[in-house]
């Protein structure tokens, strides 16, 4: 009976650790995503500015 209890405790511990890892990763990702979205917006804005500068330089010639 003791072996069964130890086996159940080990299985429960492994399941709890896997669940903790899953939720910790989801929490960490939720902090990263706004930064990635902000970075993507900055890169898009820089691309538009470069394109506008090229067009204005071509028109100035």
PDB file of N, CA and C in Angstrom:
ATOM      1  N   UNK A   1       0.825  -1.197   0.000  1.00  0.00           N
ATOM      2  CA  UNK A   1       0.000   0.000   0.000  1.00  0.00           C
ATOM      3  C   UNK A   1       0.866   1.256   0.000  1.00  0.00           C
ATOM      4  N   UNK A   2       1.968   1.187   0.734  1.00  0.00           N
ATOM      5  CA  UNK A   2       2.879   2.328   0.794  1.00  0.00           C
ATOM      6  C   UNK A   2       3.470   2.628  -0.579  1.00  0.00           C
ATOM      7  N   UNK A   3       3.767   1.575  -1.327  1.00  0.00           N
ATOM      8  CA  UNK A   3       4.324   1.758  -2.675  1.00  0.00           C
ATOM      9  C   UNK A   3       3.308   2.471  -3.571  1.00  0.00           C
ATOM     10  N   UNK A   4       2.055   2.116  -3.452  1.00  0.00           N
ATOM     11  CA  UNK A   4       1.002   2.759  -4.248  1.00  0.00           C
ATOM     12  C   UNK A   4       0.891   4.233  -3.875  1.00  0.00           C
ATOM     13  N   UNK A   5       0.936   4.551  -2.598  1.00  0.00           N
ATOM     14  CA  UNK A   5       0.866   5.948  -2.165  1.00  0.00           C
ATOM     15  C   UNK A   5       2.054   6.758  -2.672  1.00  0.00           C
ATOM     16  N   UNK A   6       3.246   6.194  -2.613  1.00  0.00           N
ATOM     17  CA  UNK A   6       4.447   6.878  -3.110  1.00  0.00           C
ATOM     18  C   UNK A   6       4.344   7.086  -4.619  1.00  0.00           C
ATOM     19  N   UNK A   7       3.881   6.076  -5.324  1.00  0.00           N
ATOM     20  CA  UNK A   7       3.729   6.195  -6.778  1.00  0.00           C
ATOM     21  C   UNK A   7       2.722   7.288  -7.125  1.00  0.00           C
ATOM     22  N   UNK A   8       1.611   7.337  -6.408  1.00  0.00           N
ATOM     23  CA  UNK A   8       0.620   8.387  -6.644  1.00  0.00           C
ATOM     24  C   UNK A   8       1.184   9.771  -6.328  1.00  0.00           C
ATOM     25  N   UNK A   9       1.953   9.872  -5.259  1.00  0.00           N
ATOM     26  CA  UNK A   9       2.563  11.152  -4.898  1.00  0.00           C
ATOM     27  C   UNK A   9       3.534  11.608  -5.977  1.00  0.00           C
ATOM     28  N   UNK A  10       4.306  10.687  -6.526  1.00  0.00           N
ATOM     29  CA  UNK A  10       5.250  11.036  -7.598  1.00  0.00           C
ATOM     30  C   UNK A  10       4.496  11.474  -8.842  1.00  0.00           C
ATOM     31  N   UNK A  11       3.467  10.744  -9.211  1.00  0.00           N
ATOM     32  CA  UNK A  11       2.677  11.115 -10.386  1.00  0.00           C
ATOM     33  C   UNK A  11       2.005  12.478 -10.200  1.00  0.00           C
ATOM     34  N   UNK A  12       1.452  12.706  -9.020  1.00  0.00           N
ATOM     35  CA  UNK A  12       0.821  13.991  -8.734  1.00  0.00           C
ATOM     36  C   UNK A  12       1.850  15.119  -8.788  1.00  0.00           C
ATOM     37  N   UNK A  13       3.037  14.871  -8.264  1.00  0.00           N
ATOM     38  CA  UNK A  13       4.098  15.869  -8.291  1.00  0.00           C
ATOM     39  C   UNK A  13       4.513  16.198  -9.719  1.00  0.00           C
ATOM     40  N   UNK A  14       4.664  15.172 -10.554  1.00  0.00           N
ATOM     41  CA  UNK A  14       5.022  15.409 -11.959  1.00  0.00           C
ATOM     42  C   UNK A  14       3.935  16.194 -12.693  1.00  0.00           C
ATOM     43  N   UNK A  15       2.684  15.828 -12.449  1.00  0.00           N
ATOM     44  CA  UNK A  15       1.582  16.544 -13.093  1.00  0.00           C
ATOM     45  C   UNK A  15       1.534  17.995 -12.633  1.00  0.00           C
ATOM     46  N   UNK A  16       1.747  18.227 -11.352  1.00  0.00           N
ATOM     47  CA  UNK A  16       1.738  19.594 -10.837  1.00  0.00           C
ATOM     48  C   UNK A  16       2.888  20.406 -11.421  1.00  0.00           C
ATOM     49  N   UNK A  17       4.055  19.793 -11.565  1.00  0.00           N
ATOM     50  CA  UNK A  17       5.193  20.505 -12.132  1.00  0.00           C
ATOM     51  C   UNK A  17       4.959  20.834 -13.608  1.00  0.00           C
ATOM     52  N   UNK A  18       4.357  19.919 -14.342  1.00  0.00           N
ATOM     53  CA  UNK A  18       4.045  20.187 -15.748  1.00  0.00           C
ATOM     54  C   UNK A  18       3.019  21.305 -15.876  1.00  0.00           C
ATOM     55  N   UNK A  19       2.010  21.292 -15.024  1.00  0.00           N
ATOM     56  CA  UNK A  19       1.001  22.349 -15.054  1.00  0.00           C
ATOM     57  C   UNK A  19       1.615  23.693 -14.681  1.00  0.00           C
ATOM     58  N   UNK A  20       2.480  23.698 -13.692  1.00  0.00           N
ATOM     59  CA  UNK A  20       3.148  24.939 -13.298  1.00  0.00           C
ATOM     60  C   UNK A  20       3.988  25.481 -14.450  1.00  0.00           C
ATOM     61  N   UNK A  21       4.730  24.611 -15.126  1.00  0.00           N
ATOM     62  CA  UNK A  21       5.537  25.042 -16.261  1.00  0.00           C
ATOM     63  C   UNK A  21       4.688  25.606 -17.378  1.00  0.00           C
ATOM     64  N   UNK A  22       3.557  24.962 -17.662  1.00  0.00           N
ATOM     65  CA  UNK A  22       2.654  25.439 -18.707  1.00  0.00           C
ATOM     66  C   UNK A  22       2.123  26.826 -18.392  1.00  0.00           C
ATOM     67  N   UNK A  23       1.623  27.024 -17.161  1.00  0.00           N
ATOM     68  CA  UNK A  23       1.057  28.316 -16.804  1.00  0.00           C
ATOM     69  C   UNK A  23       2.133  29.389 -16.647  1.00  0.00           C
ATOM     70  N   UNK A  24       3.320  29.006 -16.202  1.00  0.00           N
ATOM     71  CA  UNK A  24       4.413  29.976 -16.094  1.00  0.00           C
ATOM     72  C   UNK A  24       4.832  30.452 -17.480  1.00  0.00           C
ATOM     73  N   UNK A  25       4.874  29.548 -18.450  1.00  0.00           N
ATOM     74  CA  UNK A  25       5.213  29.931 -19.819  1.00  0.00           C
ATOM     75  C   UNK A  25       4.154  30.842 -20.416  1.00  0.00           C
ATOM     76  N   UNK A  26       2.895  30.537 -20.167  1.00  0.00           N
ATOM     77  CA  UNK A  26       1.824  31.393 -20.691  1.00  0.00           C
ATOM     78  C   UNK A  26       1.893  32.783 -20.075  1.00  0.00           C
ATOM     79  N   UNK A  27       2.192  32.864 -18.782  1.00  0.00           N
ATOM     80  CA  UNK A  27       2.308  34.158 -18.108  1.00  0.00           C
ATOM     81  C   UNK A  27       3.485  34.942 -18.681  1.00  0.00           C
ATOM     82  N   UNK A  28       4.602  34.269 -18.912  1.00  0.00           N
ATOM     83  CA  UNK A  28       5.785  34.934 -19.448  1.00  0.00           C
ATOM     84  C   UNK A  28       5.520  35.435 -20.865  1.00  0.00           C
ATOM     85  N   UNK A  29       4.839  34.646 -21.662  1.00  0.00           N
ATOM     86  CA  UNK A  29       4.534  35.044 -23.038  1.00  0.00           C
ATOM     87  C   UNK A  29       3.618  36.253 -23.045  1.00  0.00           C
ATOM     88  N   UNK A  30       2.690  36.324 -22.116  1.00  0.00           N
ATOM     89  CA  UNK A  30       1.777  37.465 -22.105  1.00  0.00           C
ATOM     90  C   UNK A  30       2.513  38.768 -21.817  1.00  0.00           C
ATOM     91  N   UNK A  31       3.663  38.695 -21.150  1.00  0.00           N
ATOM     92  CA  UNK A  31       4.464  39.905 -20.937  1.00  0.00           C
ATOM     93  C   UNK A  31       5.292  40.233 -22.166  1.00  0.00           C
ATOM     94  N   UNK A  32       5.678  39.239 -22.935  1.00  0.00           N
ATOM     95  CA  UNK A  32       6.552  39.466 -24.083  1.00  0.00           C
ATOM     96  C   UNK A  32       5.765  40.002 -25.271  1.00  0.00           C
ATOM     97  N   UNK A  33       4.578  39.526 -25.462  1.00  0.00           N
ATOM     98  CA  UNK A  33       3.829  39.881 -26.665  1.00  0.00           C
ATOM     99  C   UNK A  33       3.634  41.376 -26.862  1.00  0.00           C
ATOM    100  N   UNK A  34       3.279  42.163 -25.844  1.00  0.00           N
ATOM    101  CA  UNK A  34       3.139  43.602 -26.093  1.00  0.00           C
ATOM    102  C   UNK A  34       4.447  44.238 -26.578  1.00  0.00           C
ATOM    103  N   UNK A  35       5.573  43.760 -26.060  1.00  0.00           N
ATOM    104  CA  UNK A  35       6.847  44.304 -26.517  1.00  0.00           C
ATOM    105  C   UNK A  35       7.093  43.939 -27.974  1.00  0.00           C
ATOM    106  N   UNK A  36       6.751  42.717 -28.356  1.00  0.00           N
ATOM    107  CA  UNK A  36       6.935  42.317 -29.743  1.00  0.00           C
ATOM    108  C   UNK A  36       6.016  43.110 -30.662  1.00  0.00           C
ATOM    109  N   UNK A  37       4.790  43.349 -30.229  1.00  0.00           N
ATOM    110  CA  UNK A  37       3.866  44.138 -31.035  1.00  0.00           C
ATOM    111  C   UNK A  37       4.379  45.566 -31.195  1.00  0.00           C
ATOM    112  N   UNK A  38       4.920  46.122 -30.116  1.00  0.00           N
ATOM    113  CA  UNK A  38       5.469  47.477 -30.184  1.00  0.00           C
ATOM    114  C   UNK A  38       6.669  47.508 -31.128  1.00  0.00           C
ATOM    115  N   UNK A  39       7.524  46.507 -31.035  1.00  0.00           N
ATOM    116  CA  UNK A  39       8.690  46.442 -31.913  1.00  0.00           C
ATOM    117  C   UNK A  39       8.257  46.354 -33.376  1.00  0.00           C
ATOM    118  N   UNK A  40       7.277  45.522 -33.654  1.00  0.00           N
ATOM    119  CA  UNK A  40       6.791  45.371 -35.023  1.00  0.00           C
ATOM    120  C   UNK A  40       6.215  46.689 -35.539  1.00  0.00           C
ATOM    121  N   UNK A  41       5.515  47.414 -34.685  1.00  0.00           N
ATOM    122  CA  UNK A  41       4.954  48.710 -35.093  1.00  0.00           C
ATOM    123  C   UNK A  41       6.063  49.704 -35.407  1.00  0.00           C
ATOM    124  N   UNK A  42       7.117  49.701 -34.605  1.00  0.00           N
ATOM    125  CA  UNK A  42       8.250  50.613 -34.849  1.00  0.00           C
ATOM    126  C   UNK A  42       8.933  50.266 -36.163  1.00  0.00           C
ATOM    127  N   UNK A  43       9.149  48.984 -36.413  1.00  0.00           N
ATOM    128  CA  UNK A  43       9.800  48.570 -37.656  1.00  0.00           C
ATOM    129  C   UNK A  43       8.940  48.954 -38.859  1.00  0.00           C
ATOM    130  N   UNK A  44       7.627  48.757 -38.754  1.00  0.00           N
ATOM    131  CA  UNK A  44       6.738  49.149 -39.860  1.00  0.00           C
ATOM    132  C   UNK A  44       6.796  50.645 -40.102  1.00  0.00           C
ATOM    133  N   UNK A  45       6.797  51.425 -39.017  1.00  0.00           N
ATOM    134  CA  UNK A  45       6.854  52.880 -39.157  1.00  0.00           C
ATOM    135  C   UNK A  45       8.168  53.312 -39.793  1.00  0.00           C
ATOM    136  N   UNK A  46       9.266  52.699 -39.427  1.00  0.00           N
ATOM    137  CA  UNK A  46      10.555  53.033 -40.031  1.00  0.00           C
ATOM    138  C   UNK A  46      10.557  52.694 -41.515  1.00  0.00           C
ATOM    139  N   UNK A  47       9.957  51.597 -41.858  1.00  0.00           N
ATOM    140  CA  UNK A  47       9.877  51.217 -43.274  1.00  0.00           C
ATOM    141  C   UNK A  47       9.081  52.222 -44.069  1.00  0.00           C
ATOM    142  N   UNK A  48       7.984  52.711 -43.520  1.00  0.00           N
ATOM    143  CA  UNK A  48       7.176  53.728 -44.208  1.00  0.00           C
ATOM    144  C   UNK A  48       7.949  55.032 -44.351  1.00  0.00           C
ATOM    145  N   UNK A  49       8.687  55.413 -43.308  1.00  0.00           N
ATOM    146  CA  UNK A  49       9.468  56.643 -43.383  1.00  0.00           C
ATOM    147  C   UNK A  49      10.557  56.527 -44.442  1.00  0.00           C
ATOM    148  N   UNK A  50      11.227  55.397 -44.501  1.00  0.00           N
ATOM    149  CA  UNK A  50      12.265  55.213 -45.510  1.00  0.00           C
ATOM    150  C   UNK A  50      11.677  55.290 -46.907  1.00  0.00           C
ATOM    151  N   UNK A  51      10.500  54.683 -47.083  1.00  0.00           N
ATOM    152  CA  UNK A  51       9.859  54.704 -48.395  1.00  0.00           C
ATOM    153  C   UNK A  51       9.458  56.125 -48.758  1.00  0.00           C
ATOM    154  N   UNK A  52       8.928  56.880 -47.813  1.00  0.00           N
ATOM    155  CA  UNK A  52       8.550  58.261 -48.081  1.00  0.00           C
ATOM    156  C   UNK A  52       9.776  59.103 -48.414  1.00  0.00           C
ATOM    157  N   UNK A  53      10.888  58.867 -47.719  1.00  0.00           N
ATOM    158  CA  UNK A  53      12.109  59.619 -47.992  1.00  0.00           C
ATOM    159  C   UNK A  53      12.639  59.313 -49.389  1.00  0.00           C
ATOM    160  N   UNK A  54      12.569  58.065 -49.803  1.00  0.00           N
ATOM    161  CA  UNK A  54      13.011  57.703 -51.166  1.00  0.00           C
ATOM    162  C   UNK A  54      12.152  58.396 -52.216  1.00  0.00           C
ATOM    163  N   UNK A  55      10.850  58.399 -52.004  1.00  0.00           N
ATOM    164  CA  UNK A  55       9.952  59.030 -52.953  1.00  0.00           C
ATOM    165  C   UNK A  55      10.204  60.534 -53.010  1.00  0.00           C
ATOM    166  N   UNK A  56      10.375  61.157 -51.865  1.00  0.00           N
ATOM    167  CA  UNK A  56      10.604  62.613 -51.849  1.00  0.00           C
ATOM    168  C   UNK A  56      11.964  62.944 -52.456  1.00  0.00           C
ATOM    169  N   UNK A  57      12.968  62.089 -52.258  1.00  0.00           N
ATOM    170  CA  UNK A  57      14.265  62.329 -52.870  1.00  0.00           C
ATOM    171  C   UNK A  57      14.196  62.190 -54.391  1.00  0.00           C
ATOM    172  N   UNK A  58      13.412  61.249 -54.885  1.00  0.00           N
ATOM    173  CA  UNK A  58      13.257  61.088 -56.312  1.00  0.00           C
ATOM    174  C   UNK A  58      12.496  62.266 -56.925  1.00  0.00           C
ATOM    175  N   UNK A  59      11.515  62.786 -56.193  1.00  0.00           N
ATOM    176  CA  UNK A  59      10.739  63.928 -56.686  1.00  0.00           C
ATOM    177  C   UNK A  59      11.563  65.203 -56.678  1.00  0.00           C
ATOM    178  N   UNK A  60      12.546  65.308 -55.791  1.00  0.00           N
ATOM    179  CA  UNK A  60      13.353  66.515 -55.675  1.00  0.00           C
ATOM    180  C   UNK A  60      14.349  66.623 -56.827  1.00  0.00           C
ATOM    181  N   UNK A  61      14.630  65.536 -57.518  1.00  0.00           N
ATOM    182  CA  UNK A  61      15.625  65.577 -58.610  1.00  0.00           C
ATOM    183  C   UNK A  61      15.117  66.205 -59.828  1.00  0.00           C
TER     184      UNK A  61
END
